[in-house]
C-alpha atoms as a PDB file:
ATOM      1  CA  MET A   1     -12.953  13.358  11.041  1.00  0.00           C
ATOM      2  CA  THR A   2     -13.201  10.789  13.805  1.00  0.00           C
ATOM      3  CA  THR A   3     -11.777   7.298  13.829  1.00  0.00           C
ATOM      4  CA  GLU A   4     -14.502   4.662  13.650  1.00  0.00           C
ATOM      5  CA  ARG A   5     -12.032   1.828  13.951  1.00  0.00           C
ATOM      6  CA  ARG A   6      -8.269   1.364  13.998  1.00  0.00           C
ATOM      7  CA  THR A   7      -6.482  -1.746  12.812  1.00  0.00           C
ATOM      8  CA  VAL A   8      -2.838  -1.989  13.817  1.00  0.00           C
ATOM      9  CA  VAL A   9      -0.639  -3.654  11.201  1.00  0.00           C
ATOM     10  CA  PRO A  10       2.264  -5.265  13.088  1.00  0.00           C
ATOM     11  CA  ALA A  11       5.765  -4.914  11.676  1.00  0.00           C
ATOM     12  CA  ARG A  12       6.360  -7.363   8.797  1.00  0.00           C
ATOM     13  CA  GLU A  13       2.653  -8.308   8.616  1.00  0.00           C
ATOM     14  CA  GLY A  14      -0.451  -7.307   6.663  1.00  0.00           C
ATOM     15  CA  ARG A  15      -4.071  -6.579   7.508  1.00  0.00           C
ATOM     16  CA  ALA A  16      -7.258  -6.101   5.471  1.00  0.00           C
ATOM     17  CA  VAL A  17     -10.276  -3.880   6.175  1.00  0.00           C
ATOM     18  CA  ARG A  18     -13.599  -3.320   4.438  1.00  0.00           C
ATOM     19  CA  VAL A  19     -14.336   0.286   3.468  1.00  0.00           C
ATOM     20  CA  ALA A  20     -17.722   1.465   2.218  1.00  0.00           C
ATOM     21  CA  ALA A  21     -18.095   3.900  -0.660  1.00  0.00           C
ATOM     22  CA  GLY A  22     -17.708   7.436   0.688  1.00  0.00           C
ATOM     23  CA  GLN A  23     -15.780   6.411   3.786  1.00  0.00           C
ATOM     24  CA  ARG A  24     -12.259   7.640   4.420  1.00  0.00           C
ATOM     25  CA  VAL A  25      -9.334   5.368   5.206  1.00  0.00           C
ATOM     26  CA  SER A  26      -5.919   6.481   6.477  1.00  0.00           C
ATOM     27  CA  VAL A  27      -2.595   4.673   6.604  1.00  0.00           C
ATOM     28  CA  VAL A  28      -0.643   5.948   9.603  1.00  0.00           C
ATOM     29  CA  ASP A  29       3.091   5.537  10.143  1.00  0.00           C
ATOM     30  CA  LEU A  30       3.129   5.002  13.903  1.00  0.00           C
ATOM     31  CA  GLU A  31       6.870   5.269  14.539  1.00  0.00           C
ATOM     32  CA  GLY A  32       8.166   6.909  11.351  1.00  0.00           C
ATOM     33  CA  GLY A  33      10.317   5.691   8.479  1.00  0.00           C
ATOM     34  CA  GLN A  34       8.128   2.708   7.539  1.00  0.00           C
ATOM     35  CA  VAL A  35       6.947   1.805   4.041  1.00  0.00           C
ATOM     36  CA  GLY A  36       3.447   0.407   3.548  1.00  0.00           C
ATOM     37  CA  ASP A  37       2.248  -1.564   0.537  1.00  0.00           C
ATOM     38  CA  VAL A  38      -1.383  -0.610  -0.137  1.00  0.00           C
ATOM     39  CA  PHE A  39      -3.677  -2.829  -2.209  1.00  0.00           C
ATOM     40  CA  ALA A  40      -7.382  -2.255  -2.878  1.00  0.00           C
ATOM     41  CA  PHE A  41     -10.003  -4.535  -4.410  1.00  0.00           C
ATOM     42  CA  VAL A  42     -13.569  -3.833  -5.464  1.00  0.00           C
ATOM     43  CA  ALA A  43     -15.864  -5.630  -3.011  1.00  0.00           C
ATOM     44  CA  ASP A  44     -18.325  -7.992  -4.635  1.00  0.00           C
ATOM     45  CA  ASP A  45     -20.353 -11.023  -3.674  1.00  0.00           C
ATOM     46  CA  THR A  46     -17.723 -13.610  -4.584  1.00  0.00           C
ATOM     47  CA  ALA A  47     -14.881 -15.029  -2.555  1.00  0.00           C
ATOM     48  CA  THR A  48     -12.457 -14.360  -5.395  1.00  0.00           C
ATOM     49  CA  THR A  49     -12.232 -10.666  -6.201  1.00  0.00           C
ATOM     50  CA  THR A  50     -10.115  -9.623  -9.165  1.00  0.00           C
ATOM     51  CA  GLU A  51     -10.901  -5.978  -9.993  1.00  0.00           C
ATOM     52  CA  HIS A  52      -8.180  -4.085  -8.198  1.00  0.00           C
ATOM     53  CA  LEU A  53      -6.407  -0.762  -7.841  1.00  0.00           C
ATOM     54  CA  SER A  54      -3.915  -0.688 -10.707  1.00  0.00           C
ATOM     55  CA  ALA A  55      -0.824   1.498 -10.431  1.00  0.00           C
ATOM     56  CA  ALA A  56      -0.232   1.149 -14.179  1.00  0.00           C
ATOM     57  CA  HIS A  57      -3.766   2.189 -15.159  1.00  0.00           C
ATOM     58  CA  THR A  58      -3.608   5.040 -12.632  1.00  0.00           C
ATOM     59  CA  ARG A  59      -0.396   6.352 -14.178  1.00  0.00           C
ATOM     60  CA  GLY A  60      -2.127   6.298 -17.559  1.00  0.00           C
ATOM     61  CA  ALA A  61      -5.175   8.118 -16.188  1.00  0.00           C
ATOM     62  CA  THR A  62      -3.262  10.814 -14.290  1.00  0.00           C
ATOM     63  CA  ASP A  63      -0.116  11.265 -16.431  1.00  0.00           C
ATOM     64  CA  ARG A  64       1.920  11.049 -13.225  1.00  0.00           C
ATOM     65  CA  LEU A  65       4.595   8.633 -11.996  1.00  0.00           C
ATOM     66  CA  PHE A  66       3.805   9.322  -8.342  1.00  0.00           C
ATOM     67  CA  PRO A  67       0.539  10.179  -6.564  1.00  0.00           C
ATOM     68  CA  SER A  68      -0.528  13.655  -5.480  1.00  0.00           C
ATOM     69  CA  VAL A  69      -3.324  15.011  -3.288  1.00  0.00           C
ATOM     70  CA  GLY A  70      -6.595  15.232  -5.188  1.00  0.00           C
ATOM     71  CA  GLN A  71      -5.910  12.467  -7.684  1.00  0.00           C
ATOM     72  CA  ARG A  72      -8.009   9.389  -8.235  1.00  0.00           C
ATOM     73  CA  PHE A  73      -6.681   5.870  -8.370  1.00  0.00           C
ATOM     74  CA  VAL A  74      -8.387   3.599 -10.878  1.00  0.00           C
ATOM     75  CA  THR A  75      -8.789  -0.135 -11.260  1.00  0.00           C
ATOM     76  CA  ASP A  76      -7.627  -2.458 -14.002  1.00  0.00           C
ATOM     77  CA  ARG A  77     -11.057  -1.753 -15.546  1.00  0.00           C
ATOM     78  CA  ARG A  78     -10.293   1.994 -15.396  1.00  0.00           C
ATOM     79  CA  ARG A  79     -12.960   2.716 -12.787  1.00  0.00           C
ATOM     80  CA  PRO A  80     -12.288   4.990  -9.783  1.00  0.00           C
ATOM     81  CA  ILE A  81     -11.618   3.113  -6.551  1.00  0.00           C
ATOM     82  CA  LEU A  82      -9.814   5.582  -4.230  1.00  0.00           C
ATOM     83  CA  THR A  83      -9.158   9.335  -4.145  1.00  0.00           C
ATOM     84  CA  LEU A  84      -6.168  10.763  -2.284  1.00  0.00           C
ATOM     85  CA  LEU A  85      -7.628  13.395   0.056  1.00  0.00           C
ATOM     86  CA  SER A  86      -4.751  14.451   2.298  1.00  0.00           C
ATOM     87  CA  ASP A  87      -1.166  13.668   3.193  1.00  0.00           C
ATOM     88  CA  THR A  88       0.715  14.865   6.267  1.00  0.00           C
ATOM     89  CA  SER A  89       3.959  13.122   5.279  1.00  0.00           C
ATOM     90  CA  PRO A  90       6.754  14.679   3.175  1.00  0.00           C
ATOM     91  CA  GLY A  91       4.863  13.335   0.159  1.00  0.00           C
ATOM     92  CA  TRP A  92       7.006  10.458  -1.072  1.00  0.00           C
ATOM     93  CA  HIS A  93       4.896   7.552  -2.339  1.00  0.00           C
ATOM     94  CA  ASP A  94       5.820   5.056  -5.044  1.00  0.00           C
ATOM     95  CA  MET A  95       3.825   3.509  -7.899  1.00  0.00           C
ATOM     96  CA  LEU A  96       6.702   1.805  -9.749  1.00  0.00           C
ATOM     97  CA  ILE A  97       8.012  -0.995  -7.537  1.00  0.00           C
ATOM     98  CA  PRO A  98       6.210  -4.365  -7.216  1.00  0.00           C
ATOM     99  CA  ALA A  99       5.485  -5.991  -3.886  1.00  0.00           C
ATOM    100  CA  CYS A 100       8.405  -7.845  -2.348  1.00  0.00           C
ATOM    101  CA  ASP A 101       8.003 -11.607  -2.568  1.00  0.00           C
ATOM    102  CA  PRO A 102       9.983 -14.767  -1.749  1.00  0.00           C
ATOM    103  CA  ALA A 103      11.819 -14.628  -5.093  1.00  0.00           C
ATOM    104  CA  ARG A 104      12.968 -11.079  -4.357  1.00  0.00           C
ATOM    105  CA  TYR A 105      14.448 -12.080  -1.004  1.00  0.00           C
ATOM    106  CA  ALA A 106      16.102 -15.149  -2.484  1.00  0.00           C
ATOM    107  CA  ALA A 107      17.739 -12.926  -5.104  1.00  0.00           C
ATOM    108  CA  LEU A 108      18.963 -10.654  -2.303  1.00  0.00           C
ATOM    109  CA  GLY A 109      20.594 -13.612  -0.540  1.00  0.00           C
ATOM    110  CA  ALA A 110      18.060 -14.301   2.202  1.00  0.00           C
ATOM    111  CA  GLU A 111      18.169 -17.860   3.487  1.00  0.00           C
ATOM    112  CA  GLY A 112      15.034 -19.702   4.545  1.00  0.00           C
ATOM    113  CA  PHE A 113      11.683 -18.036   5.129  1.00  0.00           C
ATOM    114  CA  HIS A 114      11.458 -14.247   4.904  1.00  0.00           C
ATOM    115  CA  ALA A 115       8.166 -12.397   5.328  1.00  0.00           C
ATOM    116  CA  SER A 116       7.044 -10.527   2.211  1.00  0.00           C
ATOM    117  CA  CYS A 117       4.318  -8.085   1.168  1.00  0.00           C
ATOM    118  CA  ALA A 118       3.030 -10.555  -1.409  1.00  0.00           C
ATOM    119  CA  ASP A 119       2.549 -13.250   1.229  1.00  0.00           C
ATOM    120  CA  ASN A 120       1.083 -10.674   3.630  1.00  0.00           C
ATOM    121  CA  LEU A 121      -1.514  -9.683   1.031  1.00  0.00           C
ATOM    122  CA  HIS A 122      -2.737 -13.214   0.436  1.00  0.00           C
ATOM    123  CA  ARG A 123      -2.737 -14.078   4.131  1.00  0.00           C
ATOM    124  CA  ALA A 124      -4.729 -10.935   5.010  1.00  0.00           C
ATOM    125  CA  LEU A 125      -7.309 -11.685   2.318  1.00  0.00           C
ATOM    126  CA  ALA A 126      -7.556 -15.307   3.451  1.00  0.00           C
ATOM    127  CA  ASP A 127      -8.362 -14.097   6.964  1.00  0.00           C
ATOM    128  CA  MET A 128     -11.459 -12.445   5.413  1.00  0.00           C
ATOM    129  CA  GLY A 129     -12.357 -15.532   3.410  1.00  0.00           C
ATOM    130  CA  LEU A 130     -11.125 -13.933   0.169  1.00  0.00           C
ATOM    131  CA  SER A 131      -8.467 -14.748  -2.387  1.00  0.00           C
ATOM    132  CA  VAL A 132      -6.928 -13.438  -5.594  1.00  0.00           C
ATOM    133  CA  PRO A 133      -4.943 -15.510  -8.116  1.00  0.00           C
ATOM    134  CA  PHE A 134      -2.216 -12.873  -8.503  1.00  0.00           C
ATOM    135  CA  THR A 135      -0.359 -10.119  -6.636  1.00  0.00           C
ATOM    136  CA  PRO A 136      -1.159  -6.654  -8.006  1.00  0.00           C
ATOM    137  CA  GLN A 137       1.462  -3.930  -7.987  1.00  0.00           C
ATOM    138  CA  PRO A 138       0.743  -1.892  -4.854  1.00  0.00           C
ATOM    139  CA  VAL A 139       0.860   1.796  -4.097  1.00  0.00           C
ATOM    140  CA  ASN A 140       3.890   1.966  -1.801  1.00  0.00           C
ATOM    141  CA  VAL A 141       3.056   4.707   0.682  1.00  0.00           C
ATOM    142  CA  PHE A 142       5.969   6.546   2.321  1.00  0.00           C
ATOM    143  CA  MET A 143       8.394   4.796  -0.079  1.00  0.00           C
ATOM    144  CA  ARG A 144      11.064   7.114  -1.522  1.00  0.00           C
ATOM    145  CA  ILE A 145      12.162   6.025  -5.005  1.00  0.00           C
ATOM    146  CA  PRO A 146      13.204   9.123  -6.994  1.00  0.00           C
ATOM    147  CA  VAL A 147      13.917   8.844 -10.710  1.00  0.00           C
ATOM    148  CA  GLU A 148      17.242  10.327 -11.794  1.00  0.00           C
ATOM    149  CA  GLY A 149      17.714  12.331 -14.981  1.00  0.00           C
ATOM    150  CA  ASP A 150      19.295   9.326 -16.687  1.00  0.00           C
ATOM    151  CA  GLY A 151      16.275   7.168 -15.869  1.00  0.00           C
ATOM    152  CA  MET A 152      17.906   5.272 -12.991  1.00  0.00           C
ATOM    153  CA  LEU A 153      15.976   4.682  -9.778  1.00  0.00           C
ATOM    154  CA  ARG A 154      17.345   5.430  -6.299  1.00  0.00           C
ATOM    155  CA  TRP A 155      16.268   3.453  -3.249  1.00  0.00           C
ATOM    156  CA  LEU A 156      16.199   5.812  -0.253  1.00  0.00           C
ATOM    157  CA  PRO A 157      14.963   5.371   3.320  1.00  0.00           C
ATOM    158  CA  ALA A 158      11.413   6.507   4.022  1.00  0.00           C
ATOM    159  CA  ALA A 159      11.251  10.095   5.290  1.00  0.00           C
ATOM    160  CA  SER A 160       7.874   9.823   7.027  1.00  0.00           C
ATOM    161  CA  ARG A 161       7.661  10.916  10.658  1.00  0.00           C
ATOM    162  CA  PRO A 162       5.826   9.351  13.605  1.00  0.00           C
ATOM    163  CA  GLY A 163       2.114   9.953  13.130  1.00  0.00           C
ATOM    164  CA  ASP A 164       2.308  10.914   9.461  1.00  0.00           C
ATOM    165  CA  ALA A 165      -0.783   9.750   7.591  1.00  0.00           C
ATOM    166  CA  ILE A 166      -2.086   9.493   4.044  1.00  0.00           C
ATOM    167  CA  THR A 167      -5.875   9.529   3.694  1.00  0.00           C
ATOM    168  CA  PHE A 168      -8.071   8.220   0.890  1.00  0.00           C
ATOM    169  CA  ARG A 169     -11.784   8.280   0.136  1.00  0.00           C
ATOM    170  CA  ALA A 170     -13.317   5.062  -1.150  1.00  0.00           C
ATOM    171  CA  GLU A 171     -15.136   5.624  -4.442  1.00  0.00           C
ATOM    172  CA  THR A 172     -16.769   2.193  -4.266  1.00  0.00           C
ATOM    173  CA  ASP A 173     -17.173  -0.502  -1.625  1.00  0.00           C
ATOM    174  CA  CYS A 174     -13.732  -2.049  -1.388  1.00  0.00           C
ATOM    175  CA  VAL A 175     -11.310  -4.149   0.592  1.00  0.00           C
ATOM    176  CA  VAL A 176      -8.084  -2.332   1.448  1.00  0.00           C
ATOM    177  CA  VAL A 177      -4.993  -4.317   2.411  1.00  0.00           C
ATOM    178  CA  VAL A 178      -1.897  -2.767   3.992  1.00  0.00           C
ATOM    179  CA  SER A 179       1.407  -4.552   4.504  1.00  0.00           C
ATOM    180  CA  ALA A 180       4.011  -3.071   6.859  1.00  0.00           C
ATOM    181  CA  CYS A 181       6.823  -3.889   4.454  1.00  0.00           C
ATOM    182  CA  PRO A 182       9.304  -6.384   5.953  1.00  0.00           C
ATOM    183  CA  GLN A 183      12.156  -5.288   3.672  1.00  0.00           C
ATOM    184  CA  ASP A 184      15.371  -5.254   5.713  1.00  0.00           C
ATOM    185  CA  LEU A 185      17.922  -6.089   2.997  1.00  0.00           C
ATOM    186  CA  VAL A 186      17.419  -2.876   0.993  1.00  0.00           C
ATOM    187  CA  ASP A 187      17.355   0.456   2.840  1.00  0.00           C
ATOM    188  CA  ILE A 188      13.798   1.594   2.101  1.00  0.00           C
ATOM    189  CA  ASN A 189      12.716   1.490   5.751  1.00  0.00           C
ATOM    190  CA  SER A 190      14.553   3.767   8.175  1.00  0.00           C
ATOM    191  CA  GLY A 191      15.800   0.974  10.406  1.00  0.00           C
ATOM    192  CA  ASP A 192      14.084  -2.261  11.341  1.00  0.00           C
ATOM    193  CA  PRO A 193      10.470  -2.625  10.128  1.00  0.00           C
ATOM    194  CA  THR A 194       7.876  -1.080  12.446  1.00  0.00           C
ATOM    195  CA  PRO A 195       4.066  -1.144  12.651  1.00  0.00           C
ATOM    196  CA  LEU A 196       1.521   0.881  10.725  1.00  0.00           C
ATOM    197  CA  ALA A 197      -2.158   1.530  11.394  1.00  0.00           C
ATOM    198  CA  ILE A 198      -5.248   1.562   9.200  1.00  0.00           C
ATOM    199  CA  ASP A 199      -7.875   4.049  10.387  1.00  0.00           C
ATOM    200  CA  VAL A 200     -11.372   3.907   8.915  1.00  0.00           C
ATOM    201  CA  LEU A 201     -12.797   7.392   9.420  1.00  0.00           C
ATOM    202  CA  ALA A 202     -16.335   8.722   9.741  1.00  0.00           C
END
């Protein structure tokens, strides 16, 4: 596979790319220990796209809490949108936790403006002339949220290493958005937030 184009996602920001059906797209942790919120929307001819990758519908389709290589992700209309082809990271990815948003940071005691994955999503779509009237639950790549035997969740720092990548194949023309999660009040990133990259592959 060769990289057709790379889009760097600066720390605490988000970026969107268009991916054609059959193309591969990778999310790369450039420095290690960084969570990425991944959203995907079916591309259509309207400025407002609503059919999206749904973590909840994917859990129902795969009978899994967390993604594994070979599985398909489906939309809220239960249609395939991405397939997980390969993963060079330790394999921790989350499909339970919603995108961080201003209300989350306010509840954690942040004062004033704090970047969030929800805001990053809408800003990245706006840069492409697109919008959605909601924030879907993302697939949180490199995010380590194990479920204990008593049902409690643990929030652990990402274990991904510099250069680790997770690669998907687009099953339909889509817009993929990645946010380099700005969370710095809960220890899900291993240190201060750092950049990610989106590679669209031939």
